[in-house]
C-alpha atoms as a PDB file:
ATOM      1  CA  UNK A   1      53.773  58.936 -69.595  1.00  0.00           C
ATOM      2  CA  UNK A   2      54.735  62.786 -69.539  1.00  0.00           C
ATOM      3  CA  UNK A   3      58.612  61.557 -69.603  1.00  0.00           C
ATOM      4  CA  UNK A   4      57.517  59.082 -72.706  1.00  0.00           C
ATOM      5  CA  UNK A   5      56.019  61.902 -74.406  1.00  0.00           C
ATOM      6  CA  UNK A   6      58.732  64.536 -73.633  1.00  0.00           C
ATOM      7  CA  UNK A   7      61.548  62.285 -74.846  1.00  0.00           C
ATOM      8  CA  UNK A   8      59.545  61.403 -78.829  1.00  0.00           C
ATOM      9  CA  UNK A   9      59.036  65.324 -78.916  1.00  0.00           C
ATOM     10  CA  UNK A  10      63.148  65.795 -78.668  1.00  0.00           C
ATOM     11  CA  UNK A  11      63.894  63.048 -80.927  1.00  0.00           C
ATOM     12  CA  UNK A  12      63.898  64.417 -84.125  1.00  0.00           C
ATOM     13  CA  UNK A  13      66.224  67.075 -82.815  1.00  0.00           C
ATOM     14  CA  UNK A  14      68.516  64.206 -81.002  1.00  0.00           C
ATOM     15  CA  UNK A  15      68.327  62.253 -84.383  1.00  0.00           C
ATOM     16  CA  UNK A  16      70.072  65.910 -86.096  1.00  0.00           C
ATOM     17  CA  UNK A  17      72.328  66.276 -83.717  1.00  0.00           C
ATOM     18  CA  UNK A  18      73.844  62.566 -83.925  1.00  0.00           C
ATOM     19  CA  UNK A  19      73.636  62.756 -87.540  1.00  0.00           C
ATOM     20  CA  UNK A  20      76.052  66.069 -87.525  1.00  0.00           C
ATOM     21  CA  UNK A  21      78.090  64.481 -84.722  1.00  0.00           C
ATOM     22  CA  UNK A  22      78.286  60.988 -87.344  1.00  0.00           C
ATOM     23  CA  UNK A  23      79.288  63.934 -90.034  1.00  0.00           C
ATOM     24  CA  UNK A  24      81.885  64.852 -88.272  1.00  0.00           C
ATOM     25  CA  UNK A  25      83.498  61.590 -87.060  1.00  0.00           C
ATOM     26  CA  UNK A  26      83.870  62.600 -83.902  1.00  0.00           C
ATOM     27  CA  UNK A  27      82.856  59.225 -82.932  1.00  0.00           C
ATOM     28  CA  UNK A  28      83.293  59.371 -79.009  1.00  0.00           C
ATOM     29  CA  UNK A  29      80.740  62.397 -78.935  1.00  0.00           C
ATOM     30  CA  UNK A  30      78.537  60.462 -80.604  1.00  0.00           C
ATOM     31  CA  UNK A  31      78.685  57.217 -78.942  1.00  0.00           C
ATOM     32  CA  UNK A  32      78.138  59.046 -75.689  1.00  0.00           C
ATOM     33  CA  UNK A  33      75.303  61.498 -76.901  1.00  0.00           C
ATOM     34  CA  UNK A  34      73.879  57.635 -77.494  1.00  0.00           C
ATOM     35  CA  UNK A  35      74.780  56.348 -74.034  1.00  0.00           C
ATOM     36  CA  UNK A  36      72.920  59.895 -72.645  1.00  0.00           C
ATOM     37  CA  UNK A  37      69.557  58.813 -74.945  1.00  0.00           C
ATOM     38  CA  UNK A  38      69.795  55.281 -73.708  1.00  0.00           C
ATOM     39  CA  UNK A  39      70.435  55.487 -70.075  1.00  0.00           C
ATOM     40  CA  UNK A  40      67.350  58.012 -70.721  1.00  0.00           C
ATOM     41  CA  UNK A  41      64.760  55.898 -72.273  1.00  0.00           C
ATOM     42  CA  UNK A  42      65.835  52.731 -69.209  1.00  0.00           C
ATOM     43  CA  UNK A  43      64.477  55.387 -66.774  1.00  0.00           C
ATOM     44  CA  UNK A  44      61.400  56.026 -68.298  1.00  0.00           C
ATOM     45  CA  UNK A  45      61.193  52.270 -69.102  1.00  0.00           C
ATOM     46  CA  UNK A  46      62.040  51.233 -65.156  1.00  0.00           C
ATOM     47  CA  UNK A  47      59.029  54.409 -63.976  1.00  0.00           C
ATOM     48  CA  UNK A  48      57.038  52.885 -61.331  1.00  0.00           C
ATOM     49  CA  UNK A  49      52.881  52.411 -62.185  1.00  0.00           C
ATOM     50  CA  UNK A  50      50.813  54.072 -58.923  1.00  0.00           C
ATOM     51  CA  UNK A  51      47.555  53.289 -58.734  1.00  0.00           C
ATOM     52  CA  UNK A  52      46.861  54.942 -55.278  1.00  0.00           C
ATOM     53  CA  UNK A  53      47.268  51.830 -53.531  1.00  0.00           C
ATOM     54  CA  UNK A  54      50.455  50.496 -52.111  1.00  0.00           C
ATOM     55  CA  UNK A  55      49.979  47.221 -52.288  1.00  0.00           C
ATOM     56  CA  UNK A  56      48.608  47.037 -55.810  1.00  0.00           C
ATOM     57  CA  UNK A  57      51.683  49.215 -56.656  1.00  0.00           C
ATOM     58  CA  UNK A  58      54.320  46.814 -55.664  1.00  0.00           C
ATOM     59  CA  UNK A  59      51.978  43.848 -57.562  1.00  0.00           C
ATOM     60  CA  UNK A  60      51.623  45.590 -60.525  1.00  0.00           C
ATOM     61  CA  UNK A  61      55.521  46.714 -60.869  1.00  0.00           C
ATOM     62  CA  UNK A  62      57.078  43.491 -59.515  1.00  0.00           C
ATOM     63  CA  UNK A  63      54.756  41.654 -62.086  1.00  0.00           C
ATOM     64  CA  UNK A  64      55.593  44.506 -64.666  1.00  0.00           C
ATOM     65  CA  UNK A  65      59.106  43.481 -64.440  1.00  0.00           C
ATOM     66  CA  UNK A  66      58.655  39.763 -65.384  1.00  0.00           C
ATOM     67  CA  UNK A  67      57.746  40.651 -68.891  1.00  0.00           C
ATOM     68  CA  UNK A  68      59.697  39.600 -71.408  1.00  0.00           C
ATOM     69  CA  UNK A  69      59.393  41.477 -74.098  1.00  0.00           C
ATOM     70  CA  UNK A  70      58.348  45.196 -74.788  1.00  0.00           C
ATOM     71  CA  UNK A  71      54.839  45.993 -73.946  1.00  0.00           C
ATOM     72  CA  UNK A  72      52.172  48.566 -74.290  1.00  0.00           C
ATOM     73  CA  UNK A  73      50.690  49.474 -70.381  1.00  0.00           C
ATOM     74  CA  UNK A  74      48.151  51.823 -68.921  1.00  0.00           C
ATOM     75  CA  UNK A  75      47.064  52.804 -65.918  1.00  0.00           C
ATOM     76  CA  UNK A  76      44.296  54.738 -65.254  1.00  0.00           C
ATOM     77  CA  UNK A  77      42.757  56.156 -62.091  1.00  0.00           C
ATOM     78  CA  UNK A  78      43.805  56.296 -58.607  1.00  0.00           C
ATOM     79  CA  UNK A  79      42.229  53.605 -55.765  1.00  0.00           C
ATOM     80  CA  UNK A  80      39.643  55.414 -52.952  1.00  0.00           C
ATOM     81  CA  UNK A  81      42.568  56.130 -49.810  1.00  0.00           C
ATOM     82  CA  UNK A  82      40.125  53.328 -47.772  1.00  0.00           C
ATOM     83  CA  UNK A  83      39.988  50.803 -49.912  1.00  0.00           C
ATOM     84  CA  UNK A  84      37.182  47.889 -48.130  1.00  0.00           C
ATOM     85  CA  UNK A  85      39.372  44.877 -48.658  1.00  0.00           C
ATOM     86  CA  UNK A  86      41.597  43.217 -46.366  1.00  0.00           C
ATOM     87  CA  UNK A  87      44.610  43.580 -47.491  1.00  0.00           C
ATOM     88  CA  UNK A  88      45.411  39.860 -48.011  1.00  0.00           C
ATOM     89  CA  UNK A  89      42.567  39.544 -50.079  1.00  0.00           C
ATOM     90  CA  UNK A  90      44.171  42.829 -52.401  1.00  0.00           C
ATOM     91  CA  UNK A  91      46.899  40.294 -52.945  1.00  0.00           C
ATOM     92  CA  UNK A  92      45.063  37.504 -53.796  1.00  0.00           C
ATOM     93  CA  UNK A  93      43.123  39.370 -56.139  1.00  0.00           C
ATOM     94  CA  UNK A  94      45.968  41.711 -57.694  1.00  0.00           C
ATOM     95  CA  UNK A  95      48.877  39.338 -57.855  1.00  0.00           C
ATOM     96  CA  UNK A  96      46.915  36.524 -59.830  1.00  0.00           C
ATOM     97  CA  UNK A  97      44.738  38.731 -62.505  1.00  0.00           C
ATOM     98  CA  UNK A  98      48.736  40.474 -62.931  1.00  0.00           C
ATOM     99  CA  UNK A  99      50.279  37.277 -63.176  1.00  0.00           C
ATOM    100  CA  UNK A 100      48.021  35.811 -65.671  1.00  0.00           C
ATOM    101  CA  UNK A 101      48.310  38.920 -67.886  1.00  0.00           C
ATOM    102  CA  UNK A 102      51.967  39.223 -67.839  1.00  0.00           C
ATOM    103  CA  UNK A 103      52.271  35.336 -68.467  1.00  0.00           C
ATOM    104  CA  UNK A 104      49.939  35.705 -71.650  1.00  0.00           C
ATOM    105  CA  UNK A 105      51.324  38.723 -73.396  1.00  0.00           C
ATOM    106  CA  UNK A 106      54.987  36.994 -72.777  1.00  0.00           C
ATOM    107  CA  UNK A 107      53.494  34.360 -75.257  1.00  0.00           C
ATOM    108  CA  UNK A 108      52.572  37.395 -78.048  1.00  0.00           C
ATOM    109  CA  UNK A 109      55.047  39.145 -80.498  1.00  0.00           C
ATOM    110  CA  UNK A 110      53.609  43.125 -78.999  1.00  0.00           C
ATOM    111  CA  UNK A 111      51.149  42.790 -76.097  1.00  0.00           C
ATOM    112  CA  UNK A 112      49.300  45.298 -73.748  1.00  0.00           C
ATOM    113  CA  UNK A 113      47.947  45.702 -70.433  1.00  0.00           C
ATOM    114  CA  UNK A 114      45.447  48.083 -69.608  1.00  0.00           C
ATOM    115  CA  UNK A 115      44.836  48.803 -65.749  1.00  0.00           C
ATOM    116  CA  UNK A 116      41.795  51.683 -65.279  1.00  0.00           C
ATOM    117  CA  UNK A 117      40.178  52.355 -61.954  1.00  0.00           C
ATOM    118  CA  UNK A 118      37.574  54.427 -61.518  1.00  0.00           C
ATOM    119  CA  UNK A 119      35.548  54.898 -58.193  1.00  0.00           C
ATOM    120  CA  UNK A 120      32.744  57.038 -57.261  1.00  0.00           C
ATOM    121  CA  UNK A 121      30.244  57.268 -54.126  1.00  0.00           C
ATOM    122  CA  UNK A 122      29.132  54.431 -53.920  1.00  0.00           C
ATOM    123  CA  UNK A 123      31.288  51.647 -56.324  1.00  0.00           C
ATOM    124  CA  UNK A 124      34.774  51.573 -57.476  1.00  0.00           C
ATOM    125  CA  UNK A 125      35.129  49.513 -60.827  1.00  0.00           C
ATOM    126  CA  UNK A 126      38.832  47.663 -61.116  1.00  0.00           C
ATOM    127  CA  UNK A 127      39.080  47.314 -65.145  1.00  0.00           C
ATOM    128  CA  UNK A 128      42.853  44.862 -66.218  1.00  0.00           C
ATOM    129  CA  UNK A 129      42.589  44.077 -69.998  1.00  0.00           C
ATOM    130  CA  UNK A 130      45.443  42.822 -71.840  1.00  0.00           C
ATOM    131  CA  UNK A 131      45.758  41.490 -75.244  1.00  0.00           C
ATOM    132  CA  UNK A 132      44.989  37.530 -76.007  1.00  0.00           C
ATOM    133  CA  UNK A 133      46.191  34.817 -79.158  1.00  0.00           C
ATOM    134  CA  UNK A 134      43.198  34.003 -79.342  1.00  0.00           C
ATOM    135  CA  UNK A 135      39.430  33.605 -77.216  1.00  0.00           C
ATOM    136  CA  UNK A 136      38.695  31.212 -73.982  1.00  0.00           C
ATOM    137  CA  UNK A 137      35.912  29.233 -73.318  1.00  0.00           C
ATOM    138  CA  UNK A 138      34.555  30.411 -69.515  1.00  0.00           C
ATOM    139  CA  UNK A 139      32.587  27.723 -68.016  1.00  0.00           C
ATOM    140  CA  UNK A 140      29.567  27.999 -66.121  1.00  0.00           C
ATOM    141  CA  UNK A 141      30.829  29.528 -63.170  1.00  0.00           C
ATOM    142  CA  UNK A 142      32.326  32.646 -65.995  1.00  0.00           C
ATOM    143  CA  UNK A 143      35.885  31.248 -65.242  1.00  0.00           C
ATOM    144  CA  UNK A 144      38.097  30.352 -67.991  1.00  0.00           C
ATOM    145  CA  UNK A 145      39.108  26.380 -68.673  1.00  0.00           C
ATOM    146  CA  UNK A 146      42.801  26.556 -67.861  1.00  0.00           C
ATOM    147  CA  UNK A 147      44.722  26.076 -70.941  1.00  0.00           C
ATOM    148  CA  UNK A 148      47.994  24.531 -69.706  1.00  0.00           C
ATOM    149  CA  UNK A 149      48.782  20.822 -69.503  1.00  0.00           C
ATOM    150  CA  UNK A 150      48.382  19.988 -65.278  1.00  0.00           C
ATOM    151  CA  UNK A 151      44.446  20.978 -64.810  1.00  0.00           C
ATOM    152  CA  UNK A 152      44.901  19.857 -61.176  1.00  0.00           C
ATOM    153  CA  UNK A 153      47.024  22.089 -60.049  1.00  0.00           C
ATOM    154  CA  UNK A 154      46.389  24.923 -62.590  1.00  0.00           C
ATOM    155  CA  UNK A 155      43.039  27.077 -62.724  1.00  0.00           C
ATOM    156  CA  UNK A 156      43.728  27.427 -59.400  1.00  0.00           C
ATOM    157  CA  UNK A 157      44.175  31.759 -59.271  1.00  0.00           C
ATOM    158  CA  UNK A 158      41.340  32.681 -60.731  1.00  0.00           C
ATOM    159  CA  UNK A 159      39.043  30.695 -58.854  1.00  0.00           C
ATOM    160  CA  UNK A 160      40.768  32.324 -55.741  1.00  0.00           C
ATOM    161  CA  UNK A 161      40.258  35.755 -57.523  1.00  0.00           C
ATOM    162  CA  UNK A 162      36.480  35.016 -57.393  1.00  0.00           C
ATOM    163  CA  UNK A 163      35.995  33.391 -53.917  1.00  0.00           C
ATOM    164  CA  UNK A 164      38.211  36.761 -52.702  1.00  0.00           C
ATOM    165  CA  UNK A 165      35.930  39.160 -54.650  1.00  0.00           C
ATOM    166  CA  UNK A 166      32.675  37.359 -53.283  1.00  0.00           C
ATOM    167  CA  UNK A 167      34.045  36.918 -49.755  1.00  0.00           C
ATOM    168  CA  UNK A 168      33.982  41.073 -50.017  1.00  0.00           C
ATOM    169  CA  UNK A 169      30.888  41.105 -51.480  1.00  0.00           C
ATOM    170  CA  UNK A 170      31.915  42.335 -54.368  1.00  0.00           C
ATOM    171  CA  UNK A 171      31.683  41.339 -58.050  1.00  0.00           C
ATOM    172  CA  UNK A 172      33.967  39.674 -60.769  1.00  0.00           C
ATOM    173  CA  UNK A 173      32.866  39.548 -64.786  1.00  0.00           C
ATOM    174  CA  UNK A 174      35.454  37.843 -66.662  1.00  0.00           C
ATOM    175  CA  UNK A 175      35.276  39.182 -70.793  1.00  0.00           C
ATOM    176  CA  UNK A 176      37.218  36.956 -73.535  1.00  0.00           C
ATOM    177  CA  UNK A 177      37.339  37.711 -77.142  1.00  0.00           C
ATOM    178  CA  UNK A 178      39.563  36.785 -80.176  1.00  0.00           C
ATOM    179  CA  UNK A 179      42.220  39.606 -79.264  1.00  0.00           C
ATOM    180  CA  UNK A 180      41.397  40.618 -75.819  1.00  0.00           C
ATOM    181  CA  UNK A 181      40.611  39.070 -71.879  1.00  0.00           C
ATOM    182  CA  UNK A 182      39.302  41.621 -69.192  1.00  0.00           C
ATOM    183  CA  UNK A 183      38.475  40.899 -66.217  1.00  0.00           C
ATOM    184  CA  UNK A 184      36.217  43.897 -64.099  1.00  0.00           C
ATOM    185  CA  UNK A 185      35.634  43.679 -60.624  1.00  0.00           C
ATOM    186  CA  UNK A 186      32.577  46.276 -58.876  1.00  0.00           C
ATOM    187  CA  UNK A 187      33.430  47.117 -55.105  1.00  0.00           C
ATOM    188  CA  UNK A 188      31.067  48.551 -52.564  1.00  0.00           C
ATOM    189  CA  UNK A 189      32.865  51.444 -51.218  1.00  0.00           C
END
């Protein structure tokens, strides 16, 4: 985020220099300048997101790489050094949640994903929220009905998430609104 702010801060000056090179007809230098700017933009876009948990970081960054379109990504907060979860459960929970979010975002023109981690003395709360194309109906267990064709083999991910959260004495809450989908998880520290 800091690199992006710095890049945006100087963009007007870069445009001024590009305009001068174009005015001089110095196409070779103009192309090189644009190439350098493009490389900086790619570097910023390929930045890794960190949450303080190695497994969550690996999963999050892998799933973000699967985004087919530009999306706004916000990651705030840090996991506590010792999260009271088995590593396999971390994988189950976060791979399913991030995969679902990316699949939904890929169906939109302009999507976004927010990950917020808040840790206190007794609890850690993780909120994963993404843009949505419409409100999703939740069943009596608080899980969404799958909208995929093969209902027998889809919708299992969130069931697995719920089981992993509950196995670790956590709490899973799902909210669906017209333009967003949110999963909130709370664990004892």
